[in-house]
Amino acid sequence: MNPVFATLMLAAISTPAFAIEFTPQDSGIVDFDMPSGNICCSFIPDAAEGALLSCSRVEPSYWTVILMPDGEMTVDKNPGEVPGCGYGQALGNIFIYGSTWAQSGITCTSSESGLQCSANGRGFKLRRAGLTQF
């Protein structure tokens, strides 16, 4: 293998994600979309249950995952209409690939292979191909 190519590949693999901040609404809610427009999330700092992150996938079918700062997670694979998502077009803050966002113990990373979020050692990776929980 070409040594220059190998060095560039190693640099690309080991380059850390950079932290990103999103502009909240007046209510404090933070909405963000993956660049593809297929996944959108809302971080609600003061929901009835406390802070929570709700992420929805549009295609190939609507799924919603809710993650709490303590790691509690619920998955709804039949939520009906997904409010807030742009139906394939990003509408809010864009969570550019290669970046990381964190709030209230919840951390998310955006990549071309999907959205990965975790809290308190538990989490999920949501993408067009499906959902992986960990």
N, C-alpha and C. Protein backbone atom coordinates (compact mmCIF):
# COMPACT_ATOMS: atom_id res chain seq x y z
N MET A 1 0.85 -1.18 0.00
CA MET A 1 0.00 0.00 0.00
C MET A 1 0.89 1.23 0.00
N ASN A 2 0.50 2.22 -0.74
CA ASN A 2 1.20 3.49 -0.81
C ASN A 2 1.27 4.09 0.59
N PRO A 3 2.47 4.44 1.10
CA PRO A 3 2.58 4.97 2.46
C PRO A 3 1.84 6.30 2.67
N VAL A 4 1.78 7.15 1.65
CA VAL A 4 1.05 8.42 1.78
C VAL A 4 -0.44 8.13 1.93
N PHE A 5 -0.97 7.22 1.10
CA PHE A 5 -2.38 6.85 1.18
C PHE A 5 -2.69 6.24 2.55
N ALA A 6 -1.81 5.37 3.03
CA ALA A 6 -2.01 4.74 4.34
C ALA A 6 -2.05 5.78 5.45
N THR A 7 -1.19 6.78 5.38
CA THR A 7 -1.16 7.84 6.39
C THR A 7 -2.44 8.67 6.34
N LEU A 8 -2.90 8.99 5.12
CA LEU A 8 -4.14 9.75 4.99
C LEU A 8 -5.33 8.96 5.52
N MET A 9 -5.38 7.68 5.24
CA MET A 9 -6.47 6.84 5.73
C MET A 9 -6.46 6.78 7.26
N LEU A 10 -5.29 6.61 7.85
CA LEU A 10 -5.19 6.57 9.31
C LEU A 10 -5.63 7.89 9.91
N ALA A 11 -5.25 9.00 9.30
CA ALA A 11 -5.66 10.32 9.81
C ALA A 11 -7.17 10.48 9.72
N ALA A 12 -7.77 10.02 8.63
CA ALA A 12 -9.23 10.14 8.48
C ALA A 12 -9.96 9.30 9.51
N ILE A 13 -9.44 8.12 9.80
CA ILE A 13 -10.08 7.23 10.77
C ILE A 13 -9.93 7.75 12.18
N SER A 14 -8.79 8.33 12.50
CA SER A 14 -8.53 8.74 13.88
C SER A 14 -8.93 10.18 14.16
N THR A 15 -9.41 10.91 13.18
CA THR A 15 -9.81 12.29 13.40
C THR A 15 -11.06 12.32 14.28
N PRO A 16 -10.97 12.98 15.44
CA PRO A 16 -12.14 13.01 16.33
C PRO A 16 -13.25 13.89 15.78
N ALA A 17 -14.46 13.58 16.18
CA ALA A 17 -15.60 14.41 15.81
C ALA A 17 -15.47 15.75 16.53
N PHE A 18 -15.96 16.80 15.92
CA PHE A 18 -15.90 18.09 16.59
C PHE A 18 -17.25 18.40 17.22
N ALA A 19 -17.19 19.12 18.33
CA ALA A 19 -18.40 19.46 19.08
C ALA A 19 -19.16 20.57 18.35
N ILE A 20 -20.46 20.45 18.40
CA ILE A 20 -21.33 21.42 17.73
C ILE A 20 -22.38 21.90 18.73
N GLU A 21 -22.79 23.14 18.61
CA GLU A 21 -23.88 23.68 19.42
C GLU A 21 -25.01 24.08 18.49
N PHE A 22 -26.24 23.85 18.94
CA PHE A 22 -27.39 24.20 18.14
C PHE A 22 -28.13 25.35 18.79
N THR A 23 -28.80 26.14 17.98
CA THR A 23 -29.59 27.25 18.47
C THR A 23 -30.93 26.71 18.99
N PRO A 24 -31.23 26.94 20.27
CA PRO A 24 -32.53 26.47 20.80
C PRO A 24 -33.65 27.43 20.41
N GLN A 25 -34.86 26.91 20.45
CA GLN A 25 -36.05 27.75 20.29
C GLN A 25 -36.19 28.59 21.56
N ASP A 26 -37.11 29.54 21.56
CA ASP A 26 -37.34 30.36 22.75
C ASP A 26 -37.73 29.50 23.95
N SER A 27 -38.38 28.37 23.69
CA SER A 27 -38.81 27.47 24.76
C SER A 27 -37.66 26.67 25.35
N GLY A 28 -36.47 26.73 24.72
CA GLY A 28 -35.33 25.94 25.17
C GLY A 28 -35.19 24.62 24.44
N ILE A 29 -36.20 24.26 23.67
CA ILE A 29 -36.15 23.01 22.90
C ILE A 29 -35.13 23.18 21.77
N VAL A 30 -34.33 22.13 21.57
CA VAL A 30 -33.34 22.13 20.51
C VAL A 30 -33.76 21.09 19.47
N ASP A 31 -33.97 21.54 18.24
CA ASP A 31 -34.29 20.64 17.13
C ASP A 31 -33.09 20.55 16.22
N PHE A 32 -32.81 19.33 15.73
CA PHE A 32 -31.76 19.18 14.74
C PHE A 32 -32.10 18.05 13.78
N ASP A 33 -31.57 18.18 12.56
CA ASP A 33 -31.81 17.23 11.48
C ASP A 33 -30.48 16.69 10.98
N MET A 34 -30.49 15.44 10.58
CA MET A 34 -29.34 14.88 9.88
C MET A 34 -29.31 15.53 8.49
N PRO A 35 -28.15 15.66 7.88
CA PRO A 35 -28.06 16.30 6.55
C PRO A 35 -28.95 15.64 5.50
N SER A 36 -29.20 14.34 5.62
CA SER A 36 -30.04 13.65 4.65
C SER A 36 -31.50 14.05 4.77
N GLY A 37 -31.89 14.62 5.92
CA GLY A 37 -33.29 14.96 6.17
C GLY A 37 -34.12 13.75 6.58
N ASN A 38 -33.50 12.58 6.70
CA ASN A 38 -34.25 11.37 7.03
C ASN A 38 -34.41 11.15 8.53
N ILE A 39 -33.61 11.83 9.34
CA ILE A 39 -33.71 11.70 10.80
C ILE A 39 -33.75 13.10 11.39
N CYS A 40 -34.70 13.31 12.30
CA CYS A 40 -34.77 14.59 13.00
C CYS A 40 -34.91 14.30 14.49
N CYS A 41 -34.41 15.21 15.30
CA CYS A 41 -34.45 15.04 16.75
C CYS A 41 -34.89 16.33 17.43
N SER A 42 -35.47 16.16 18.60
CA SER A 42 -35.81 17.28 19.48
C SER A 42 -35.31 16.95 20.87
N PHE A 43 -34.52 17.85 21.43
CA PHE A 43 -34.10 17.74 22.82
C PHE A 43 -35.01 18.67 23.61
N ILE A 44 -35.73 18.09 24.57
CA ILE A 44 -36.68 18.86 25.39
C ILE A 44 -36.11 18.89 26.80
N PRO A 45 -35.61 20.05 27.24
CA PRO A 45 -34.93 20.11 28.53
C PRO A 45 -35.85 19.96 29.74
N ASP A 46 -37.13 20.27 29.59
CA ASP A 46 -38.02 20.25 30.76
C ASP A 46 -39.35 19.57 30.45
N ALA A 47 -39.28 18.38 29.85
CA ALA A 47 -40.50 17.60 29.63
C ALA A 47 -41.04 17.15 30.98
N ALA A 48 -42.24 16.64 31.02
CA ALA A 48 -42.86 16.20 32.28
C ALA A 48 -41.99 15.17 33.00
N GLU A 49 -41.29 14.33 32.24
CA GLU A 49 -40.44 13.29 32.82
C GLU A 49 -39.02 13.78 33.09
N GLY A 50 -38.73 15.03 32.79
CA GLY A 50 -37.38 15.55 32.86
C GLY A 50 -36.87 15.76 31.44
N ALA A 51 -35.57 15.95 31.30
CA ALA A 51 -34.99 16.15 29.96
C ALA A 51 -35.13 14.86 29.16
N LEU A 52 -35.32 15.02 27.83
CA LEU A 52 -35.36 13.85 26.96
C LEU A 52 -34.99 14.24 25.55
N LEU A 53 -34.51 13.24 24.81
CA LEU A 53 -34.20 13.40 23.40
C LEU A 53 -35.13 12.48 22.63
N SER A 54 -35.85 13.02 21.67
CA SER A 54 -36.75 12.24 20.81
C SER A 54 -36.25 12.35 19.38
N CYS A 55 -35.90 11.20 18.77
CA CYS A 55 -35.39 11.17 17.40
C CYS A 55 -36.31 10.30 16.56
N SER A 56 -36.61 10.78 15.35
CA SER A 56 -37.49 10.06 14.44
C SER A 56 -36.81 9.84 13.11
N ARG A 57 -37.04 8.66 12.57
CA ARG A 57 -36.57 8.32 11.23
C ARG A 57 -37.78 8.35 10.30
N VAL A 58 -37.63 8.95 9.11
CA VAL A 58 -38.74 9.09 8.17
C VAL A 58 -38.86 7.87 7.26
N GLU A 59 -37.78 7.49 6.58
CA GLU A 59 -37.79 6.41 5.59
C GLU A 59 -36.91 5.25 6.04
N PRO A 60 -37.23 4.01 5.76
CA PRO A 60 -38.34 3.57 4.93
C PRO A 60 -39.67 3.52 5.67
N SER A 61 -39.65 3.65 6.98
CA SER A 61 -40.89 3.77 7.74
C SER A 61 -40.59 4.60 8.98
N TYR A 62 -41.63 5.26 9.52
CA TYR A 62 -41.44 6.11 10.70
C TYR A 62 -41.12 5.27 11.93
N TRP A 63 -40.07 5.67 12.60
CA TRP A 63 -39.71 5.10 13.90
C TRP A 63 -39.33 6.26 14.79
N THR A 64 -39.64 6.17 16.06
CA THR A 64 -39.23 7.18 17.02
C THR A 64 -38.55 6.50 18.21
N VAL A 65 -37.43 7.08 18.61
CA VAL A 65 -36.67 6.60 19.77
C VAL A 65 -36.59 7.75 20.76
N ILE A 66 -36.89 7.48 22.01
CA ILE A 66 -36.78 8.49 23.06
C ILE A 66 -35.72 8.01 24.05
N LEU A 67 -34.77 8.90 24.35
CA LEU A 67 -33.67 8.59 25.26
C LEU A 67 -33.66 9.61 26.38
N MET A 68 -33.59 9.10 27.60
CA MET A 68 -33.52 9.95 28.79
C MET A 68 -32.06 10.01 29.27
N PRO A 69 -31.68 11.05 30.03
CA PRO A 69 -30.31 11.14 30.53
C PRO A 69 -29.87 9.96 31.40
N ASP A 70 -30.82 9.26 32.03
CA ASP A 70 -30.44 8.10 32.85
C ASP A 70 -30.25 6.84 32.01
N GLY A 71 -30.44 6.93 30.69
CA GLY A 71 -30.27 5.79 29.80
C GLY A 71 -31.56 5.06 29.48
N GLU A 72 -32.65 5.43 30.14
CA GLU A 72 -33.94 4.80 29.83
C GLU A 72 -34.30 5.15 28.39
N MET A 73 -34.79 4.14 27.66
CA MET A 73 -35.06 4.33 26.25
C MET A 73 -36.37 3.65 25.88
N THR A 74 -37.14 4.29 25.01
CA THR A 74 -38.33 3.66 24.46
C THR A 74 -38.24 3.76 22.93
N VAL A 75 -38.79 2.74 22.26
CA VAL A 75 -38.78 2.69 20.80
C VAL A 75 -40.21 2.49 20.34
N ASP A 76 -40.64 3.32 19.40
CA ASP A 76 -41.97 3.19 18.82
C ASP A 76 -41.80 3.02 17.32
N LYS A 77 -42.07 1.82 16.83
CA LYS A 77 -41.92 1.54 15.40
C LYS A 77 -43.21 1.79 14.63
N ASN A 78 -44.18 2.43 15.28
CA ASN A 78 -45.42 2.80 14.60
C ASN A 78 -45.98 4.08 15.22
N PRO A 79 -45.21 5.19 15.18
CA PRO A 79 -45.68 6.41 15.85
C PRO A 79 -46.70 7.22 15.07
N GLY A 80 -47.03 6.80 13.86
CA GLY A 80 -47.94 7.61 13.04
C GLY A 80 -47.16 8.75 12.42
N GLU A 81 -47.80 9.90 12.28
CA GLU A 81 -47.14 11.05 11.68
C GLU A 81 -46.04 11.56 12.60
N VAL A 82 -44.94 11.98 12.01
CA VAL A 82 -43.80 12.46 12.78
C VAL A 82 -43.76 13.98 12.71
N PRO A 83 -44.22 14.66 13.75
CA PRO A 83 -44.17 16.12 13.71
C PRO A 83 -42.73 16.61 13.79
N GLY A 84 -42.43 17.66 13.07
CA GLY A 84 -41.11 18.25 13.15
C GLY A 84 -40.15 17.81 12.06
N CYS A 85 -40.31 16.61 11.53
CA CYS A 85 -39.42 16.17 10.46
C CYS A 85 -39.85 16.80 9.15
N GLY A 86 -38.88 17.04 8.30
CA GLY A 86 -39.15 17.70 7.03
C GLY A 86 -39.50 16.75 5.90
N TYR A 87 -39.86 15.53 6.25
CA TYR A 87 -40.25 14.55 5.24
C TYR A 87 -39.21 14.46 4.13
N GLY A 88 -37.97 14.21 4.55
CA GLY A 88 -36.88 14.04 3.60
C GLY A 88 -36.05 15.29 3.35
N GLN A 89 -36.43 16.42 3.95
CA GLN A 89 -35.65 17.64 3.82
C GLN A 89 -35.38 18.19 5.22
N ALA A 90 -34.12 18.50 5.47
CA ALA A 90 -33.75 19.06 6.76
C ALA A 90 -34.38 20.43 6.93
N LEU A 91 -34.96 20.70 8.12
CA LEU A 91 -35.65 21.96 8.37
C LEU A 91 -34.98 22.83 9.41
N GLY A 92 -34.37 22.22 10.40
CA GLY A 92 -33.83 23.00 11.52
C GLY A 92 -32.32 23.09 11.50
N ASN A 93 -31.73 23.00 12.69
CA ASN A 93 -30.28 22.96 12.81
C ASN A 93 -29.79 21.70 12.10
N ILE A 94 -28.74 21.80 11.31
CA ILE A 94 -28.21 20.66 10.58
C ILE A 94 -27.06 20.05 11.39
N PHE A 95 -27.18 18.77 11.69
CA PHE A 95 -26.18 18.03 12.46
C PHE A 95 -25.20 17.41 11.47
N ILE A 96 -24.21 18.21 11.07
CA ILE A 96 -23.32 17.81 10.00
C ILE A 96 -22.53 16.55 10.37
N TYR A 97 -22.27 15.74 9.36
CA TYR A 97 -21.54 14.49 9.56
C TYR A 97 -20.17 14.77 10.18
N GLY A 98 -19.80 13.92 11.13
CA GLY A 98 -18.51 14.05 11.79
C GLY A 98 -18.55 14.93 13.02
N SER A 99 -19.73 15.37 13.44
CA SER A 99 -19.82 16.23 14.62
C SER A 99 -20.50 15.51 15.78
N THR A 100 -20.29 16.07 16.96
CA THR A 100 -20.85 15.53 18.20
C THR A 100 -21.59 16.65 18.92
N TRP A 101 -22.72 16.29 19.54
CA TRP A 101 -23.52 17.22 20.32
C TRP A 101 -23.78 16.58 21.67
N ALA A 102 -23.79 17.37 22.74
CA ALA A 102 -24.06 16.85 24.08
C ALA A 102 -24.87 17.85 24.88
N GLN A 103 -25.82 17.31 25.65
CA GLN A 103 -26.65 18.13 26.53
C GLN A 103 -27.22 17.24 27.63
N SER A 104 -27.14 17.68 28.87
CA SER A 104 -27.77 17.01 30.01
C SER A 104 -27.44 15.51 30.09
N GLY A 105 -26.20 15.14 29.77
CA GLY A 105 -25.80 13.75 29.88
C GLY A 105 -26.10 12.90 28.65
N ILE A 106 -26.71 13.47 27.64
CA ILE A 106 -26.98 12.77 26.38
C ILE A 106 -25.96 13.26 25.35
N THR A 107 -25.32 12.32 24.66
CA THR A 107 -24.33 12.65 23.65
C THR A 107 -24.72 11.98 22.34
N CYS A 108 -24.67 12.72 21.24
CA CYS A 108 -24.99 12.19 19.92
C CYS A 108 -23.84 12.49 18.96
N THR A 109 -23.63 11.56 18.04
CA THR A 109 -22.63 11.71 16.99
C THR A 109 -23.30 11.47 15.65
N SER A 110 -23.01 12.34 14.70
CA SER A 110 -23.57 12.25 13.36
C SER A 110 -22.53 11.68 12.40
N SER A 111 -22.94 10.71 11.60
CA SER A 111 -22.05 10.18 10.57
C SER A 111 -22.88 9.78 9.37
N GLU A 112 -22.22 9.55 8.25
CA GLU A 112 -22.94 9.15 7.05
C GLU A 112 -23.64 7.81 7.24
N SER A 113 -23.20 7.03 8.23
CA SER A 113 -23.83 5.73 8.49
C SER A 113 -24.97 5.82 9.50
N GLY A 114 -25.30 7.03 9.98
CA GLY A 114 -26.43 7.18 10.88
C GLY A 114 -26.17 8.08 12.07
N LEU A 115 -27.14 8.12 12.94
CA LEU A 115 -27.09 8.92 14.16
C LEU A 115 -26.91 7.99 15.34
N GLN A 116 -25.90 8.24 16.16
CA GLN A 116 -25.68 7.44 17.36
C GLN A 116 -25.78 8.34 18.58
N CYS A 117 -26.64 7.95 19.54
CA CYS A 117 -26.83 8.73 20.77
C CYS A 117 -26.72 7.80 21.96
N SER A 118 -26.19 8.33 23.07
CA SER A 118 -26.08 7.52 24.28
C SER A 118 -26.21 8.39 25.52
N ALA A 119 -26.57 7.73 26.60
CA ALA A 119 -26.68 8.37 27.91
C ALA A 119 -26.50 7.29 28.97
N ASN A 120 -25.66 7.54 29.92
CA ASN A 120 -25.47 6.64 31.05
C ASN A 120 -25.14 5.20 30.59
N GLY A 121 -24.34 5.09 29.54
CA GLY A 121 -23.91 3.77 29.07
C GLY A 121 -24.88 3.03 28.17
N ARG A 122 -26.03 3.59 27.90
CA ARG A 122 -27.01 2.97 26.99
C ARG A 122 -27.27 3.90 25.83
N GLY A 123 -27.74 3.33 24.72
CA GLY A 123 -28.01 4.20 23.60
C GLY A 123 -28.51 3.46 22.38
N PHE A 124 -28.39 4.15 21.23
CA PHE A 124 -28.90 3.60 19.99
C PHE A 124 -28.14 4.19 18.80
N LYS A 125 -28.21 3.44 17.69
CA LYS A 125 -27.78 3.96 16.41
C LYS A 125 -28.98 3.82 15.48
N LEU A 126 -29.44 4.95 14.96
CA LEU A 126 -30.61 4.99 14.09
C LEU A 126 -30.14 5.36 12.69
N ARG A 127 -30.61 4.60 11.71
CA ARG A 127 -30.24 4.84 10.32
C ARG A 127 -31.32 4.28 9.41
N ARG A 128 -31.20 4.55 8.14
CA ARG A 128 -32.17 4.07 7.17
C ARG A 128 -32.31 2.55 7.26
N ALA A 129 -31.21 1.84 7.48
CA ALA A 129 -31.22 0.38 7.51
C ALA A 129 -31.85 -0.20 8.77
N GLY A 130 -32.05 0.61 9.79
CA GLY A 130 -32.67 0.09 11.01
C GLY A 130 -32.18 0.77 12.27
N LEU A 131 -32.37 0.07 13.36
CA LEU A 131 -32.03 0.57 14.70
C LEU A 131 -31.22 -0.47 15.43
N THR A 132 -30.13 -0.04 16.04
CA THR A 132 -29.34 -0.88 16.91
C THR A 132 -29.35 -0.25 18.30
N GLN A 133 -29.73 -1.04 19.30
CA GLN A 133 -29.70 -0.55 20.68
C GLN A 133 -28.50 -1.15 21.39
N PHE A 134 -27.92 -0.39 22.30
CA PHE A 134 -26.78 -0.92 23.08
C PHE A 134 -26.85 -0.42 24.50
